[in-house]
């Protein structure tokens, strides 16, 4: 539990650091860029894994496992939000040439809720 909490806090701090600097790759060090790319790829792999599990549940008419209590729900939603944040960066970079928006982070306001909703749908239905 403590290990997961430490990992979650470090990911949250890293994500706010990326948001403060921008997602154009202008980070201070090369390792920050590599770490961000690894987290983005990992979160997109988590989406793929969730999609495969969702297909299997739909084929077998199964339901997802129930959550035990409020703390379990809070930790789940918090984890989904972090994963959706890291998955929304590459999606925002792909959609940026096609969507005319003002400001650097405006496109994240569109992609983050979509990615969060998609992850919630895949994991909870």
N, C-alpha and C. Protein backbone atom coordinates (compact mmCIF):
# COMPACT_ATOMS: atom_id res chain seq x y z
N UNK A 1 0.82 -1.19 0.00
CA UNK A 1 0.00 0.00 0.00
C UNK A 1 0.86 1.26 0.00
N UNK A 2 1.90 1.28 0.84
CA UNK A 2 2.76 2.46 0.92
C UNK A 2 3.55 2.61 -0.38
N UNK A 3 3.97 1.48 -0.97
CA UNK A 3 4.70 1.54 -2.22
C UNK A 3 3.83 2.15 -3.32
N UNK A 4 2.55 1.73 -3.39
CA UNK A 4 1.64 2.30 -4.38
C UNK A 4 1.40 3.78 -4.14
N UNK A 5 1.32 4.17 -2.89
CA UNK A 5 1.11 5.58 -2.57
C UNK A 5 2.31 6.43 -2.97
N UNK A 6 3.51 5.92 -2.74
CA UNK A 6 4.73 6.65 -3.13
C UNK A 6 4.82 6.78 -4.65
N UNK A 7 4.51 5.71 -5.36
CA UNK A 7 4.53 5.76 -6.82
C UNK A 7 3.48 6.74 -7.33
N UNK A 8 2.28 6.73 -6.76
CA UNK A 8 1.22 7.63 -7.19
C UNK A 8 1.60 9.08 -6.95
N UNK A 9 2.16 9.39 -5.81
CA UNK A 9 2.56 10.78 -5.50
C UNK A 9 3.67 11.23 -6.43
N UNK A 10 4.65 10.35 -6.72
CA UNK A 10 5.73 10.75 -7.62
C UNK A 10 5.20 10.97 -9.04
N UNK A 11 4.26 10.15 -9.49
CA UNK A 11 3.67 10.36 -10.81
C UNK A 11 2.89 11.66 -10.86
N UNK A 12 2.17 11.98 -9.79
CA UNK A 12 1.42 13.23 -9.74
C UNK A 12 2.35 14.43 -9.79
N UNK A 13 3.44 14.39 -9.05
CA UNK A 13 4.40 15.49 -9.09
C UNK A 13 5.04 15.63 -10.46
N UNK A 14 5.35 14.49 -11.10
CA UNK A 14 5.93 14.55 -12.44
C UNK A 14 4.94 15.11 -13.44
N UNK A 15 3.66 14.73 -13.33
CA UNK A 15 2.66 15.22 -14.28
C UNK A 15 2.45 16.72 -14.14
N UNK A 16 2.45 17.25 -12.91
CA UNK A 16 2.31 18.70 -12.76
C UNK A 16 3.53 19.42 -13.28
N UNK A 17 4.70 18.80 -13.19
CA UNK A 17 5.92 19.38 -13.75
C UNK A 17 5.81 19.46 -15.27
N UNK A 18 5.29 18.41 -15.90
CA UNK A 18 5.10 18.41 -17.35
C UNK A 18 4.07 19.47 -17.74
N UNK A 19 2.98 19.57 -17.00
CA UNK A 19 1.96 20.56 -17.32
C UNK A 19 2.49 21.98 -17.18
N UNK A 20 3.34 22.22 -16.21
CA UNK A 20 3.88 23.56 -16.00
C UNK A 20 4.81 23.96 -17.14
N UNK A 21 5.56 23.02 -17.68
CA UNK A 21 6.51 23.34 -18.75
C UNK A 21 5.89 23.26 -20.13
N UNK A 22 4.88 22.45 -20.30
CA UNK A 22 4.31 22.23 -21.62
C UNK A 22 4.66 20.85 -22.11
N UNK A 23 3.99 20.42 -23.14
CA UNK A 23 4.21 19.07 -23.64
C UNK A 23 4.86 19.10 -25.02
N UNK A 24 5.67 20.10 -25.29
CA UNK A 24 6.34 20.19 -26.58
C UNK A 24 7.74 19.60 -26.55
N UNK A 25 8.13 19.02 -25.47
CA UNK A 25 9.44 18.41 -25.38
C UNK A 25 10.52 19.37 -24.96
N UNK A 26 10.18 20.47 -24.35
CA UNK A 26 11.18 21.44 -23.94
C UNK A 26 11.53 21.30 -22.46
N UNK A 27 11.68 20.07 -22.01
CA UNK A 27 12.03 19.85 -20.62
C UNK A 27 13.51 20.13 -20.41
N UNK A 28 13.90 20.25 -19.16
CA UNK A 28 15.27 20.62 -18.85
C UNK A 28 16.26 19.51 -19.18
N UNK A 29 15.89 18.29 -18.93
CA UNK A 29 16.83 17.21 -19.15
C UNK A 29 16.23 16.17 -20.08
N UNK A 30 17.12 15.41 -20.66
CA UNK A 30 16.69 14.35 -21.57
C UNK A 30 15.99 13.23 -20.82
N UNK A 31 16.38 13.00 -19.57
CA UNK A 31 15.76 11.92 -18.80
C UNK A 31 14.31 12.22 -18.46
N UNK A 32 13.97 13.49 -18.25
CA UNK A 32 12.56 13.85 -18.04
C UNK A 32 11.73 13.54 -19.27
N UNK A 33 12.27 13.83 -20.44
CA UNK A 33 11.56 13.53 -21.67
C UNK A 33 11.38 12.03 -21.85
N UNK A 34 12.42 11.26 -21.60
CA UNK A 34 12.33 9.81 -21.73
C UNK A 34 11.35 9.25 -20.71
N UNK A 35 11.39 9.76 -19.48
CA UNK A 35 10.47 9.31 -18.45
C UNK A 35 9.03 9.61 -18.85
N UNK A 36 8.77 10.77 -19.42
CA UNK A 36 7.42 11.11 -19.87
C UNK A 36 6.96 10.23 -21.01
N UNK A 37 7.85 9.92 -21.94
CA UNK A 37 7.49 9.04 -23.05
C UNK A 37 7.18 7.64 -22.55
N UNK A 38 7.97 7.16 -21.61
CA UNK A 38 7.73 5.82 -21.05
C UNK A 38 6.39 5.78 -20.32
N UNK A 39 6.07 6.83 -19.56
CA UNK A 39 4.78 6.87 -18.87
C UNK A 39 3.62 6.96 -19.85
N UNK A 40 3.78 7.72 -20.93
CA UNK A 40 2.72 7.82 -21.92
C UNK A 40 2.50 6.48 -22.62
N UNK A 41 3.58 5.80 -22.98
CA UNK A 41 3.46 4.50 -23.63
C UNK A 41 2.85 3.49 -22.66
N UNK A 42 3.27 3.54 -21.40
CA UNK A 42 2.70 2.64 -20.40
C UNK A 42 1.21 2.86 -20.20
N UNK A 43 0.79 4.12 -20.17
CA UNK A 43 -0.64 4.39 -20.00
C UNK A 43 -1.43 3.96 -21.21
N UNK A 44 -0.89 4.13 -22.41
CA UNK A 44 -1.60 3.66 -23.60
C UNK A 44 -1.65 2.14 -23.65
N UNK A 45 -0.62 1.48 -23.14
CA UNK A 45 -0.66 0.00 -23.03
C UNK A 45 -1.73 -0.42 -22.03
N UNK A 46 -1.90 0.36 -20.95
CA UNK A 46 -2.96 0.06 -19.99
C UNK A 46 -4.33 0.19 -20.64
N UNK A 47 -4.50 1.17 -21.53
CA UNK A 47 -5.75 1.29 -22.27
C UNK A 47 -5.97 0.08 -23.16
N UNK A 48 -4.93 -0.39 -23.84
CA UNK A 48 -5.06 -1.56 -24.69
C UNK A 48 -5.43 -2.79 -23.87
N UNK A 49 -4.76 -2.96 -22.72
CA UNK A 49 -5.07 -4.08 -21.82
C UNK A 49 -6.51 -3.99 -21.32
N UNK A 50 -6.97 -2.79 -21.00
CA UNK A 50 -8.35 -2.60 -20.55
C UNK A 50 -9.34 -2.93 -21.66
N UNK A 51 -9.00 -2.56 -22.89
CA UNK A 51 -9.88 -2.85 -24.02
C UNK A 51 -9.99 -4.36 -24.26
N UNK A 52 -8.86 -5.06 -24.18
CA UNK A 52 -8.88 -6.52 -24.37
C UNK A 52 -9.71 -7.19 -23.28
N UNK A 53 -9.54 -6.76 -22.04
CA UNK A 53 -10.34 -7.31 -20.94
C UNK A 53 -11.82 -6.99 -21.11
N UNK A 54 -12.13 -5.80 -21.59
CA UNK A 54 -13.51 -5.41 -21.82
C UNK A 54 -14.15 -6.29 -22.89
N UNK A 55 -13.40 -6.57 -23.96
CA UNK A 55 -13.93 -7.46 -25.00
C UNK A 55 -14.21 -8.85 -24.45
N UNK A 56 -13.32 -9.38 -23.63
CA UNK A 56 -13.53 -10.70 -23.05
C UNK A 56 -14.73 -10.71 -22.11
N UNK A 57 -14.90 -9.65 -21.32
CA UNK A 57 -16.07 -9.58 -20.43
C UNK A 57 -17.36 -9.50 -21.22
N UNK A 58 -17.36 -8.74 -22.31
CA UNK A 58 -18.56 -8.63 -23.12
C UNK A 58 -18.90 -9.95 -23.80
N UNK A 59 -17.87 -10.67 -24.23
CA UNK A 59 -18.10 -11.95 -24.90
C UNK A 59 -18.66 -12.99 -23.92
N UNK A 60 -18.19 -12.97 -22.68
CA UNK A 60 -18.61 -13.95 -21.68
C UNK A 60 -19.76 -13.45 -20.80
N UNK A 61 -20.29 -12.27 -21.07
CA UNK A 61 -21.36 -11.65 -20.28
C UNK A 61 -21.01 -11.57 -18.79
N UNK A 62 -19.81 -11.13 -18.49
CA UNK A 62 -19.36 -10.98 -17.11
C UNK A 62 -19.45 -9.53 -16.69
N UNK A 63 -19.44 -9.31 -15.40
CA UNK A 63 -19.43 -7.97 -14.83
C UNK A 63 -18.05 -7.71 -14.20
N UNK A 64 -17.61 -6.46 -14.14
CA UNK A 64 -16.33 -6.18 -13.46
C UNK A 64 -16.46 -6.43 -11.96
N UNK A 65 -15.33 -6.59 -11.32
CA UNK A 65 -15.33 -6.84 -9.87
C UNK A 65 -15.86 -5.62 -9.12
N UNK A 66 -16.57 -5.89 -8.04
CA UNK A 66 -17.14 -4.81 -7.24
C UNK A 66 -16.06 -4.13 -6.40
N UNK A 67 -16.28 -2.85 -6.14
CA UNK A 67 -15.38 -2.10 -5.26
C UNK A 67 -15.87 -2.24 -3.83
N UNK A 68 -14.93 -2.33 -2.90
CA UNK A 68 -15.28 -2.65 -1.52
C UNK A 68 -15.86 -1.47 -0.76
N UNK A 69 -15.24 -0.33 -0.86
CA UNK A 69 -15.71 0.80 -0.07
C UNK A 69 -15.34 2.11 -0.71
N UNK A 70 -15.53 3.18 0.05
CA UNK A 70 -15.27 4.52 -0.45
C UNK A 70 -13.79 4.73 -0.74
N UNK A 71 -12.93 4.22 0.11
CA UNK A 71 -11.50 4.41 -0.11
C UNK A 71 -11.03 3.69 -1.38
N UNK A 72 -11.62 2.53 -1.65
CA UNK A 72 -11.28 1.81 -2.87
C UNK A 72 -11.73 2.60 -4.10
N UNK A 73 -12.90 3.21 -4.04
CA UNK A 73 -13.39 4.03 -5.15
C UNK A 73 -12.51 5.27 -5.35
N UNK A 74 -12.13 5.91 -4.26
CA UNK A 74 -11.31 7.12 -4.35
C UNK A 74 -9.96 6.80 -4.97
N UNK A 75 -9.33 5.71 -4.51
CA UNK A 75 -8.04 5.32 -5.06
C UNK A 75 -8.17 4.94 -6.54
N UNK A 76 -9.26 4.28 -6.91
CA UNK A 76 -9.48 3.89 -8.31
C UNK A 76 -9.66 5.11 -9.20
N UNK A 77 -10.49 6.04 -8.79
CA UNK A 77 -10.72 7.24 -9.61
C UNK A 77 -9.45 8.08 -9.69
N UNK A 78 -8.70 8.19 -8.60
CA UNK A 78 -7.44 8.93 -8.60
C UNK A 78 -6.44 8.26 -9.56
N UNK A 79 -6.35 6.94 -9.52
CA UNK A 79 -5.46 6.21 -10.44
C UNK A 79 -5.89 6.37 -11.88
N UNK A 80 -7.19 6.29 -12.14
CA UNK A 80 -7.69 6.49 -13.50
C UNK A 80 -7.36 7.90 -14.00
N UNK A 81 -7.45 8.89 -13.12
CA UNK A 81 -7.17 10.27 -13.52
C UNK A 81 -5.70 10.43 -13.91
N UNK A 82 -4.79 9.82 -13.16
CA UNK A 82 -3.37 9.92 -13.50
C UNK A 82 -3.07 9.21 -14.82
N UNK A 83 -3.64 8.02 -15.00
CA UNK A 83 -3.42 7.29 -16.24
C UNK A 83 -4.02 8.05 -17.42
N UNK A 84 -5.20 8.63 -17.23
CA UNK A 84 -5.83 9.41 -18.30
C UNK A 84 -5.02 10.66 -18.62
N UNK A 85 -4.40 11.26 -17.61
CA UNK A 85 -3.56 12.44 -17.85
C UNK A 85 -2.38 12.10 -18.74
N UNK A 86 -1.68 11.01 -18.41
CA UNK A 86 -0.53 10.63 -19.22
C UNK A 86 -0.94 10.12 -20.60
N UNK A 87 -2.11 9.53 -20.72
CA UNK A 87 -2.56 9.07 -22.04
C UNK A 87 -3.07 10.23 -22.88
N UNK A 88 -3.50 11.32 -22.26
CA UNK A 88 -4.03 12.44 -23.03
C UNK A 88 -2.94 13.27 -23.70
N UNK A 89 -1.69 13.20 -23.22
CA UNK A 89 -0.61 13.95 -23.86
C UNK A 89 -0.35 13.49 -25.30
N UNK A 90 -0.14 12.19 -25.57
CA UNK A 90 0.08 11.81 -26.97
C UNK A 90 -1.15 12.01 -27.83
N UNK A 91 -2.34 11.82 -27.26
CA UNK A 91 -3.57 12.06 -28.03
C UNK A 91 -3.68 13.53 -28.37
N UNK A 92 -3.34 14.40 -27.43
CA UNK A 92 -3.37 15.84 -27.70
C UNK A 92 -2.36 16.23 -28.77
N UNK A 93 -1.19 15.63 -28.74
CA UNK A 93 -0.19 15.93 -29.77
C UNK A 93 -0.64 15.45 -31.14
N UNK A 94 -1.36 14.34 -31.20
CA UNK A 94 -1.86 13.85 -32.48
C UNK A 94 -2.99 14.72 -32.99
N UNK A 95 -3.88 15.17 -32.11
CA UNK A 95 -5.04 15.96 -32.53
C UNK A 95 -4.75 17.44 -32.73
N UNK A 96 -3.64 17.94 -32.21
CA UNK A 96 -3.35 19.38 -32.27
C UNK A 96 -3.34 19.95 -33.69
N UNK A 97 -2.77 19.29 -34.71
CA UNK A 97 -2.83 19.88 -36.05
C UNK A 97 -4.23 19.94 -36.64
N UNK A 98 -5.14 19.11 -36.16
CA UNK A 98 -6.47 19.03 -36.74
C UNK A 98 -7.50 19.90 -36.03
N UNK A 99 -7.21 20.30 -34.81
CA UNK A 99 -8.15 21.11 -34.02
C UNK A 99 -7.55 22.49 -33.83
N UNK A 100 -8.29 23.50 -34.19
CA UNK A 100 -7.83 24.87 -34.03
C UNK A 100 -8.25 25.36 -32.65
N UNK A 101 -7.29 25.45 -31.73
CA UNK A 101 -7.57 25.94 -30.37
C UNK A 101 -6.57 27.03 -30.03
N UNK A 102 -6.98 27.91 -29.15
CA UNK A 102 -6.08 28.96 -28.66
C UNK A 102 -5.46 28.49 -27.35
N UNK A 103 -4.21 28.74 -27.19
CA UNK A 103 -3.53 28.36 -25.96
C UNK A 103 -2.91 26.97 -26.06
N UNK A 104 -1.93 26.77 -25.20
CA UNK A 104 -1.18 25.53 -25.25
C UNK A 104 -1.90 24.37 -24.58
N UNK A 105 -2.60 24.64 -23.50
CA UNK A 105 -3.20 23.57 -22.72
C UNK A 105 -4.69 23.41 -22.97
N UNK A 106 -5.25 24.19 -23.86
CA UNK A 106 -6.68 24.12 -24.11
C UNK A 106 -7.08 22.76 -24.66
N UNK A 107 -6.24 22.17 -25.48
CA UNK A 107 -6.58 20.88 -26.05
C UNK A 107 -6.61 19.79 -24.98
N UNK A 108 -5.84 19.96 -23.90
CA UNK A 108 -5.89 18.98 -22.81
C UNK A 108 -7.23 19.02 -22.09
N UNK A 109 -7.90 20.16 -22.09
CA UNK A 109 -9.22 20.24 -21.48
C UNK A 109 -10.24 19.43 -22.28
N UNK A 110 -9.95 19.17 -23.55
CA UNK A 110 -10.82 18.33 -24.36
C UNK A 110 -10.42 16.86 -24.29
N UNK A 111 -9.13 16.58 -24.31
CA UNK A 111 -8.69 15.19 -24.38
C UNK A 111 -8.75 14.48 -23.03
N UNK A 112 -8.47 15.18 -21.93
CA UNK A 112 -8.46 14.52 -20.63
C UNK A 112 -9.82 13.95 -20.24
N UNK A 113 -10.92 14.71 -20.34
CA UNK A 113 -12.22 14.10 -19.98
C UNK A 113 -12.60 12.94 -20.90
N UNK A 114 -12.22 13.03 -22.17
CA UNK A 114 -12.53 11.93 -23.09
C UNK A 114 -11.75 10.69 -22.71
N UNK A 115 -10.46 10.84 -22.42
CA UNK A 115 -9.65 9.69 -22.06
C UNK A 115 -10.06 9.13 -20.70
N UNK A 116 -10.42 9.99 -19.76
CA UNK A 116 -10.88 9.52 -18.45
C UNK A 116 -12.19 8.76 -18.59
N UNK A 117 -13.12 9.29 -19.36
CA UNK A 117 -14.40 8.61 -19.58
C UNK A 117 -14.22 7.28 -20.29
N UNK A 118 -13.32 7.25 -21.27
CA UNK A 118 -13.07 6.00 -21.98
C UNK A 118 -12.49 4.95 -21.05
N UNK A 119 -11.54 5.34 -20.22
CA UNK A 119 -10.95 4.39 -19.28
C UNK A 119 -11.98 3.91 -18.26
N UNK A 120 -12.79 4.81 -17.75
CA UNK A 120 -13.82 4.42 -16.79
C UNK A 120 -14.81 3.45 -17.45
N UNK A 121 -15.19 3.72 -18.69
CA UNK A 121 -16.11 2.84 -19.41
C UNK A 121 -15.50 1.46 -19.61
N UNK A 122 -14.25 1.41 -20.03
CA UNK A 122 -13.60 0.11 -20.29
C UNK A 122 -13.39 -0.70 -19.02
N UNK A 123 -13.10 -0.05 -17.91
CA UNK A 123 -12.81 -0.79 -16.68
C UNK A 123 -14.06 -1.11 -15.86
N UNK A 124 -15.11 -0.32 -15.97
CA UNK A 124 -16.26 -0.50 -15.08
C UNK A 124 -17.52 -1.03 -15.77
N UNK A 125 -17.49 -1.32 -17.06
CA UNK A 125 -18.66 -1.92 -17.71
C UNK A 125 -18.35 -3.31 -18.19
